[in-house]
């Protein structure tokens, strides 16, 4: 009797996992003279993409970008997937690519932690120098002077040894000081 021939089995096909590119993130700080058209050109993003962004609910905010604001691009090749516009530490607008080739947007407003801080100053020469020495910015010192402008002449009535006390709101975001409040 003939011996049966061994069954031919094909080796299982093992393919290498597909390498998918991860999106590239780029952070851009707006410089004087920048506008969105210049920035998009710099990053090789199309005018068509910019037009689609400006036609979203919050797209008009991109016309008013200013120096110091931040733009974070997330893209794959030359295709923009997401743009985040941060006008300050508490406000940002996120733009997301939608399935129809356009963009959707949403505004995000962070709520800072507010901490009441007690400040005390003893005037040696001027309210402004004392305020600066205890860590109050000029803007808060001006507000303090405005509150008492009808009661105290801060040029003629202030004497060395005069003291002031103030309760001031400090605003924190994720544990970091960001600004003074009321």
C-alpha atoms as a PDB file:
ATOM      1  CA  UNK A   1       0.000   0.000   0.000  1.00  0.00           C
ATOM      2  CA  UNK A   2       1.281   3.334  -0.853  1.00  0.00           C
ATOM      3  CA  UNK A   3       2.037   5.744   1.950  1.00  0.00           C
ATOM      4  CA  UNK A   4      -0.081   8.834   1.896  1.00  0.00           C
ATOM      5  CA  UNK A   5       1.733  11.950   0.859  1.00  0.00           C
ATOM      6  CA  UNK A   6       2.119  14.516   3.578  1.00  0.00           C
ATOM      7  CA  UNK A   7      -0.462  17.294   3.472  1.00  0.00           C
ATOM      8  CA  UNK A   8       0.882  20.493   2.159  1.00  0.00           C
ATOM      9  CA  UNK A   9       0.163  23.218   4.633  1.00  0.00           C
ATOM     10  CA  UNK A  10       0.830  26.783   3.967  1.00  0.00           C
ATOM     11  CA  UNK A  11       2.713  28.634   6.616  1.00  0.00           C
ATOM     12  CA  UNK A  12       0.498  31.226   8.219  1.00  0.00           C
ATOM     13  CA  UNK A  13       1.030  34.609   6.737  1.00  0.00           C
ATOM     14  CA  UNK A  14       2.416  36.946   9.384  1.00  0.00           C
ATOM     15  CA  UNK A  15       2.606  40.552   8.397  1.00  0.00           C
ATOM     16  CA  UNK A  16       4.311  43.301  10.280  1.00  0.00           C
ATOM     17  CA  UNK A  17       1.910  45.584  12.112  1.00  0.00           C
ATOM     18  CA  UNK A  18       0.993  48.602  10.065  1.00  0.00           C
ATOM     19  CA  UNK A  19       2.951  51.589  11.124  1.00  0.00           C
ATOM     20  CA  UNK A  20       0.526  54.415  11.670  1.00  0.00           C
ATOM     21  CA  UNK A  21       1.937  57.839  11.907  1.00  0.00           C
ATOM     22  CA  UNK A  22       0.970  59.680  15.030  1.00  0.00           C
ATOM     23  CA  UNK A  23      -0.263  63.249  14.686  1.00  0.00           C
ATOM     24  CA  UNK A  24       2.384  65.937  14.991  1.00  0.00           C
ATOM     25  CA  UNK A  25       1.838  68.695  17.563  1.00  0.00           C
ATOM     26  CA  UNK A  26       3.250  72.150  17.001  1.00  0.00           C
ATOM     27  CA  UNK A  27       3.013  75.073  19.411  1.00  0.00           C
ATOM     28  CA  UNK A  28       3.200  78.594  17.981  1.00  0.00           C
ATOM     29  CA  UNK A  29       3.296  81.804  20.014  1.00  0.00           C
ATOM     30  CA  UNK A  30       1.785  84.677  18.042  1.00  0.00           C
ATOM     31  CA  UNK A  31       4.349  87.379  17.264  1.00  0.00           C
ATOM     32  CA  UNK A  32       3.764  91.050  16.402  1.00  0.00           C
ATOM     33  CA  UNK A  33       2.616  91.314  12.771  1.00  0.00           C
ATOM     34  CA  UNK A  34       1.325  87.729  12.656  1.00  0.00           C
ATOM     35  CA  UNK A  35      -2.095  86.924  11.289  1.00  0.00           C
ATOM     36  CA  UNK A  36      -3.658  83.554  10.568  1.00  0.00           C
ATOM     37  CA  UNK A  37      -2.841  83.668   6.844  1.00  0.00           C
ATOM     38  CA  UNK A  38       0.865  84.260   7.561  1.00  0.00           C
ATOM     39  CA  UNK A  39       0.938  81.551  10.238  1.00  0.00           C
ATOM     40  CA  UNK A  40      -0.838  79.006   8.013  1.00  0.00           C
ATOM     41  CA  UNK A  41       1.568  79.755   5.192  1.00  0.00           C
ATOM     42  CA  UNK A  42       4.524  79.287   7.558  1.00  0.00           C
ATOM     43  CA  UNK A  43       3.261  75.806   8.511  1.00  0.00           C
ATOM     44  CA  UNK A  44       2.260  74.809   4.956  1.00  0.00           C
ATOM     45  CA  UNK A  45      -1.443  74.692   5.784  1.00  0.00           C
ATOM     46  CA  UNK A  46      -3.915  75.610   3.066  1.00  0.00           C
ATOM     47  CA  UNK A  47      -6.046  78.727   2.756  1.00  0.00           C
ATOM     48  CA  UNK A  48      -8.998  76.376   2.252  1.00  0.00           C
ATOM     49  CA  UNK A  49      -8.394  74.927   5.728  1.00  0.00           C
ATOM     50  CA  UNK A  50      -8.187  78.426   7.230  1.00  0.00           C
ATOM     51  CA  UNK A  51     -11.429  79.361   5.484  1.00  0.00           C
ATOM     52  CA  UNK A  52     -13.139  76.264   6.929  1.00  0.00           C
ATOM     53  CA  UNK A  53     -11.917  77.212  10.430  1.00  0.00           C
ATOM     54  CA  UNK A  54     -13.208  80.772  10.188  1.00  0.00           C
ATOM     55  CA  UNK A  55     -16.651  79.466   9.159  1.00  0.00           C
ATOM     56  CA  UNK A  56     -17.181  77.692  12.494  1.00  0.00           C
ATOM     57  CA  UNK A  57     -19.184  79.032  15.420  1.00  0.00           C
ATOM     58  CA  UNK A  58     -16.067  80.519  17.068  1.00  0.00           C
ATOM     59  CA  UNK A  59     -14.043  81.150  13.900  1.00  0.00           C
ATOM     60  CA  UNK A  60     -14.282  84.929  14.152  1.00  0.00           C
ATOM     61  CA  UNK A  61     -11.942  84.792  17.172  1.00  0.00           C
ATOM     62  CA  UNK A  62      -9.094  83.867  14.803  1.00  0.00           C
ATOM     63  CA  UNK A  63      -9.333  87.289  13.157  1.00  0.00           C
ATOM     64  CA  UNK A  64      -8.394  88.931  16.460  1.00  0.00           C
ATOM     65  CA  UNK A  65      -5.271  87.000  17.416  1.00  0.00           C
ATOM     66  CA  UNK A  66      -2.692  89.062  19.277  1.00  0.00           C
ATOM     67  CA  UNK A  67       0.985  88.773  20.237  1.00  0.00           C
ATOM     68  CA  UNK A  68       1.552  86.366  23.091  1.00  0.00           C
ATOM     69  CA  UNK A  69      -1.484  84.186  22.351  1.00  0.00           C
ATOM     70  CA  UNK A  70      -0.766  80.530  21.611  1.00  0.00           C
ATOM     71  CA  UNK A  71      -1.843  78.290  18.769  1.00  0.00           C
ATOM     72  CA  UNK A  72      -1.381  74.539  19.045  1.00  0.00           C
ATOM     73  CA  UNK A  73      -1.655  72.607  15.805  1.00  0.00           C
ATOM     74  CA  UNK A  74      -2.231  68.874  15.667  1.00  0.00           C
ATOM     75  CA  UNK A  75      -1.858  67.533  12.159  1.00  0.00           C
ATOM     76  CA  UNK A  76      -1.089  64.477  10.128  1.00  0.00           C
ATOM     77  CA  UNK A  77       1.044  65.337   7.113  1.00  0.00           C
ATOM     78  CA  UNK A  78      -0.474  68.568   5.788  1.00  0.00           C
ATOM     79  CA  UNK A  79      -3.955  67.831   7.138  1.00  0.00           C
ATOM     80  CA  UNK A  80      -5.030  69.791  10.198  1.00  0.00           C
ATOM     81  CA  UNK A  81      -6.802  67.582  12.731  1.00  0.00           C
ATOM     82  CA  UNK A  82      -7.127  70.051  15.590  1.00  0.00           C
ATOM     83  CA  UNK A  83      -6.251  73.660  16.377  1.00  0.00           C
ATOM     84  CA  UNK A  84      -6.336  75.089  19.887  1.00  0.00           C
ATOM     85  CA  UNK A  85      -6.265  78.880  20.253  1.00  0.00           C
ATOM     86  CA  UNK A  86      -5.333  80.054  23.763  1.00  0.00           C
ATOM     87  CA  UNK A  87      -5.929  83.747  24.242  1.00  0.00           C
ATOM     88  CA  UNK A  88      -5.045  83.534  27.934  1.00  0.00           C
ATOM     89  CA  UNK A  89      -4.579  81.067  30.765  1.00  0.00           C
ATOM     90  CA  UNK A  90      -8.335  80.673  31.295  1.00  0.00           C
ATOM     91  CA  UNK A  91      -9.797  80.934  27.795  1.00  0.00           C
ATOM     92  CA  UNK A  92      -9.261  78.722  24.761  1.00  0.00           C
ATOM     93  CA  UNK A  93     -11.104  77.641  21.643  1.00  0.00           C
ATOM     94  CA  UNK A  94     -10.645  74.182  20.189  1.00  0.00           C
ATOM     95  CA  UNK A  95     -11.315  73.456  16.518  1.00  0.00           C
ATOM     96  CA  UNK A  96     -11.737  69.808  15.444  1.00  0.00           C
ATOM     97  CA  UNK A  97     -11.802  68.387  11.934  1.00  0.00           C
ATOM     98  CA  UNK A  98     -15.223  66.952  11.120  1.00  0.00           C
ATOM     99  CA  UNK A  99     -16.117  64.091   8.805  1.00  0.00           C
ATOM    100  CA  UNK A 100     -17.495  66.449   6.142  1.00  0.00           C
ATOM    101  CA  UNK A 101     -14.153  68.192   5.621  1.00  0.00           C
ATOM    102  CA  UNK A 102     -15.052  71.198   7.763  1.00  0.00           C
ATOM    103  CA  UNK A 103     -14.418  71.953  11.395  1.00  0.00           C
ATOM    104  CA  UNK A 104     -16.362  72.065  14.636  1.00  0.00           C
ATOM    105  CA  UNK A 105     -15.412  74.362  17.483  1.00  0.00           C
ATOM    106  CA  UNK A 106     -15.989  74.793  21.177  1.00  0.00           C
ATOM    107  CA  UNK A 107     -15.007  77.451  23.671  1.00  0.00           C
ATOM    108  CA  UNK A 108     -13.414  76.362  26.936  1.00  0.00           C
ATOM    109  CA  UNK A 109     -13.368  78.681  29.929  1.00  0.00           C
ATOM    110  CA  UNK A 110     -11.474  77.393  32.950  1.00  0.00           C
ATOM    111  CA  UNK A 111     -12.588  78.401  36.418  1.00  0.00           C
ATOM    112  CA  UNK A 112      -9.579  79.288  38.576  1.00  0.00           C
ATOM    113  CA  UNK A 113      -9.266  78.470  42.234  1.00  0.00           C
ATOM    114  CA  UNK A 114      -9.734  81.739  44.139  1.00  0.00           C
ATOM    115  CA  UNK A 115      -7.767  82.232  47.332  1.00  0.00           C
ATOM    116  CA  UNK A 116      -8.246  85.249  49.607  1.00  0.00           C
ATOM    117  CA  UNK A 117      -4.882  86.621  50.654  1.00  0.00           C
ATOM    118  CA  UNK A 118      -4.228  89.133  53.393  1.00  0.00           C
ATOM    119  CA  UNK A 119      -1.673  91.821  52.501  1.00  0.00           C
ATOM    120  CA  UNK A 120      -0.160  94.306  54.925  1.00  0.00           C
ATOM    121  CA  UNK A 121       2.128  97.174  54.098  1.00  0.00           C
ATOM    122  CA  UNK A 122       3.907  99.803  56.168  1.00  0.00           C
ATOM    123  CA  UNK A 123       4.656 102.884  54.100  1.00  0.00           C
ATOM    124  CA  UNK A 124       8.214 104.175  54.223  1.00  0.00           C
ATOM    125  CA  UNK A 125       8.159 106.553  51.248  1.00  0.00           C
ATOM    126  CA  UNK A 126       5.201 105.875  48.914  1.00  0.00           C
ATOM    127  CA  UNK A 127       2.197 103.629  48.486  1.00  0.00           C
ATOM    128  CA  UNK A 128       3.562 102.320  45.182  1.00  0.00           C
ATOM    129  CA  UNK A 129       6.980 101.346  46.533  1.00  0.00           C
ATOM    130  CA  UNK A 130       5.434  99.664  49.567  1.00  0.00           C
ATOM    131  CA  UNK A 131       2.904  97.818  47.408  1.00  0.00           C
ATOM    132  CA  UNK A 132       5.677  96.596  45.151  1.00  0.00           C
ATOM    133  CA  UNK A 133       7.707  95.459  48.193  1.00  0.00           C
ATOM    134  CA  UNK A 134       4.823  93.278  49.459  1.00  0.00           C
ATOM    135  CA  UNK A 135       4.199  91.818  46.002  1.00  0.00           C
ATOM    136  CA  UNK A 136       1.190  93.801  44.772  1.00  0.00           C
ATOM    137  CA  UNK A 137       1.284  94.749  41.091  1.00  0.00           C
ATOM    138  CA  UNK A 138       0.827  98.375  40.028  1.00  0.00           C
ATOM    139  CA  UNK A 139      -2.667  97.619  38.683  1.00  0.00           C
ATOM    140  CA  UNK A 140      -3.887  96.564  42.146  1.00  0.00           C
ATOM    141  CA  UNK A 141      -2.209  99.544  43.774  1.00  0.00           C
ATOM    142  CA  UNK A 142      -4.049 101.815  41.320  1.00  0.00           C
ATOM    143  CA  UNK A 143      -7.341 100.111  42.217  1.00  0.00           C
ATOM    144  CA  UNK A 144      -6.590 100.602  45.906  1.00  0.00           C
ATOM    145  CA  UNK A 145      -5.826 104.290  45.313  1.00  0.00           C
ATOM    146  CA  UNK A 146      -9.053 104.685  43.287  1.00  0.00           C
ATOM    147  CA  UNK A 147     -11.148 103.222  46.099  1.00  0.00           C
ATOM    148  CA  UNK A 148      -9.869 105.867  48.525  1.00  0.00           C
ATOM    149  CA  UNK A 149      -9.302 108.723  46.069  1.00  0.00           C
ATOM    150  CA  UNK A 150     -11.972 110.950  47.700  1.00  0.00           C
ATOM    151  CA  UNK A 151     -10.707 110.301  51.256  1.00  0.00           C
ATOM    152  CA  UNK A 152      -6.912 110.231  50.935  1.00  0.00           C
ATOM    153  CA  UNK A 153      -4.506 112.256  48.844  1.00  0.00           C
ATOM    154  CA  UNK A 154      -1.837 109.612  48.268  1.00  0.00           C
ATOM    155  CA  UNK A 155       0.726 112.269  47.396  1.00  0.00           C
ATOM    156  CA  UNK A 156       0.245 114.733  50.262  1.00  0.00           C
ATOM    157  CA  UNK A 157      -1.522 112.779  53.041  1.00  0.00           C
ATOM    158  CA  UNK A 158       0.731 109.715  53.215  1.00  0.00           C
ATOM    159  CA  UNK A 159       3.353 109.716  55.978  1.00  0.00           C
ATOM    160  CA  UNK A 160       6.150 107.246  56.782  1.00  0.00           C
ATOM    161  CA  UNK A 161       4.774 104.687  59.221  1.00  0.00           C
ATOM    162  CA  UNK A 162       1.234 104.716  57.781  1.00  0.00           C
ATOM    163  CA  UNK A 163      -0.067 101.211  57.236  1.00  0.00           C
ATOM    164  CA  UNK A 164      -2.617  99.550  55.008  1.00  0.00           C
ATOM    165  CA  UNK A 165      -4.292  96.174  54.993  1.00  0.00           C
ATOM    166  CA  UNK A 166      -5.994  94.567  52.024  1.00  0.00           C
ATOM    167  CA  UNK A 167      -7.779  91.333  51.217  1.00  0.00           C
ATOM    168  CA  UNK A 168      -6.946  90.335  47.671  1.00  0.00           C
ATOM    169  CA  UNK A 169      -8.137  87.436  45.528  1.00  0.00           C
ATOM    170  CA  UNK A 170      -5.344  85.383  44.002  1.00  0.00           C
ATOM    171  CA  UNK A 171      -6.334  83.124  41.107  1.00  0.00           C
ATOM    172  CA  UNK A 172      -4.671  79.740  40.625  1.00  0.00           C
ATOM    173  CA  UNK A 173      -4.995  77.188  37.845  1.00  0.00           C
ATOM    174  CA  UNK A 174      -3.638  73.691  38.480  1.00  0.00           C
ATOM    175  CA  UNK A 175      -1.770  75.039  41.512  1.00  0.00           C
ATOM    176  CA  UNK A 176      -0.007  77.800  39.563  1.00  0.00           C
ATOM    177  CA  UNK A 177      -0.668  81.496  40.260  1.00  0.00           C
ATOM    178  CA  UNK A 178      -2.118  83.168  37.159  1.00  0.00           C
ATOM    179  CA  UNK A 179      -3.449  86.583  38.241  1.00  0.00           C
ATOM    180  CA  UNK A 180      -5.053  88.720  40.911  1.00  0.00           C
ATOM    181  CA  UNK A 181      -8.821  89.074  41.128  1.00  0.00           C
ATOM    182  CA  UNK A 182     -10.878  91.471  43.239  1.00  0.00           C
END
